[in-house]
Amino acid sequence: MKIRYYSYDKQSIIQAVQTVGEDAVADAALEAMPYSYQAGQPLIFMAGGYKFQGHVVLDLLVIERGVKQHNQHKRPRA
């Protein structure tokens, strides 16, 4: 699957994809895609600690956003 980037901040998305690896991002997108997915529908998926948002058209994954997810440990207050 080919990957294209569509965003005003294209460099940060390219960096996120390179950090995780193109194959890992494409595999995660395919796994997250429901059986009833139609081309162009929004697709949100996680790969390598990053949350990606985009859509798939034919064999092209278009990524619009890639954000590093941080672990948030909340301690219950007594």
Protein backbone atom coordinates (compact mmCIF):
# COMPACT_ATOMS: atom_id res chain seq x y z
CA MET A 1 0.00 0.00 0.00
CA LYS A 2 1.38 3.41 -0.95
CA ILE A 3 1.35 6.21 1.62
CA ARG A 4 0.67 9.86 0.84
CA TYR A 5 0.61 12.79 3.24
CA TYR A 6 -2.08 15.45 3.23
CA SER A 7 -1.61 18.13 5.86
CA TYR A 8 -0.34 21.64 6.44
CA ASP A 9 2.29 20.17 8.79
CA LYS A 10 3.49 17.48 6.38
CA GLN A 11 6.97 17.13 7.94
CA SER A 12 5.69 16.01 11.34
CA ILE A 13 3.55 13.30 9.74
CA ILE A 14 6.47 12.10 7.60
CA GLN A 15 8.62 11.97 10.73
CA ALA A 16 5.97 9.96 12.60
CA VAL A 17 5.65 7.45 9.75
CA GLN A 18 9.43 7.09 9.44
CA THR A 19 9.72 6.53 13.20
CA VAL A 20 7.13 3.76 13.20
CA GLY A 21 7.96 2.39 9.75
CA GLU A 22 5.86 2.54 6.59
CA ASP A 23 5.04 -1.17 6.62
CA ALA A 24 3.89 -1.06 10.25
CA VAL A 25 1.66 1.96 9.55
CA ALA A 26 0.13 0.31 6.47
CA ASP A 27 -0.45 -2.96 8.37
CA ALA A 28 -2.09 -1.12 11.28
CA ALA A 29 -4.37 0.75 8.87
CA LEU A 30 -5.43 -2.51 7.20
CA GLU A 31 -6.12 -4.14 10.58
CA ALA A 32 -8.19 -1.16 11.75
CA MET A 33 -10.27 -1.06 8.57
CA PRO A 34 -13.73 -2.58 9.16
CA TYR A 35 -15.11 -5.08 6.66
CA SER A 36 -17.73 -2.56 5.53
CA TYR A 37 -15.16 0.21 4.92
CA GLN A 38 -15.84 2.36 1.86
CA ALA A 39 -13.14 4.38 0.11
CA GLY A 40 -12.71 7.86 1.55
CA GLN A 41 -14.28 7.20 4.95
CA PRO A 42 -12.29 8.54 7.92
CA LEU A 43 -9.97 5.96 9.46
CA ILE A 44 -8.30 6.33 12.86
CA PHE A 45 -5.69 3.80 13.97
CA MET A 46 -2.71 3.35 16.31
CA ALA A 47 0.78 2.26 15.28
CA GLY A 48 4.00 2.36 17.29
CA GLY A 49 2.69 4.76 19.94
CA TYR A 50 1.28 7.20 17.37
CA LYS A 51 -2.36 7.87 16.58
CA PHE A 52 -2.94 8.35 12.86
CA GLN A 53 -5.95 9.74 11.06
CA GLY A 54 -6.57 9.45 7.35
CA HIS A 55 -8.44 7.47 4.73
CA VAL A 56 -7.84 4.78 2.12
CA VAL A 57 -8.62 5.06 -1.59
CA LEU A 58 -7.91 1.92 -3.64
CA ASP A 59 -4.31 0.99 -2.67
CA LEU A 60 -3.40 4.46 -1.36
CA LEU A 61 -3.31 5.39 2.34
CA VAL A 62 -3.70 9.15 2.77
CA ILE A 63 -2.55 10.29 6.22
CA GLU A 64 -3.90 13.60 7.48
CA ARG A 65 -2.63 13.53 11.06
CA GLY A 66 -0.05 11.66 13.13
CA VAL A 67 0.22 12.44 16.84
CA LYS A 68 2.43 10.83 19.49
CA GLN A 69 0.32 9.36 22.27
CA HIS A 70 1.58 9.77 25.82
CA ASN A 71 0.74 7.44 28.66
CA GLN A 72 -1.44 9.24 31.13
CA HIS A 73 -1.36 7.66 34.54
CA LYS A 74 -4.03 9.13 36.73
CA ARG A 75 -3.79 8.46 40.42
CA PRO A 76 -7.08 8.25 42.25
CA ARG A 77 -7.41 10.86 44.94
CA ALA A 78 -8.27 9.67 48.42
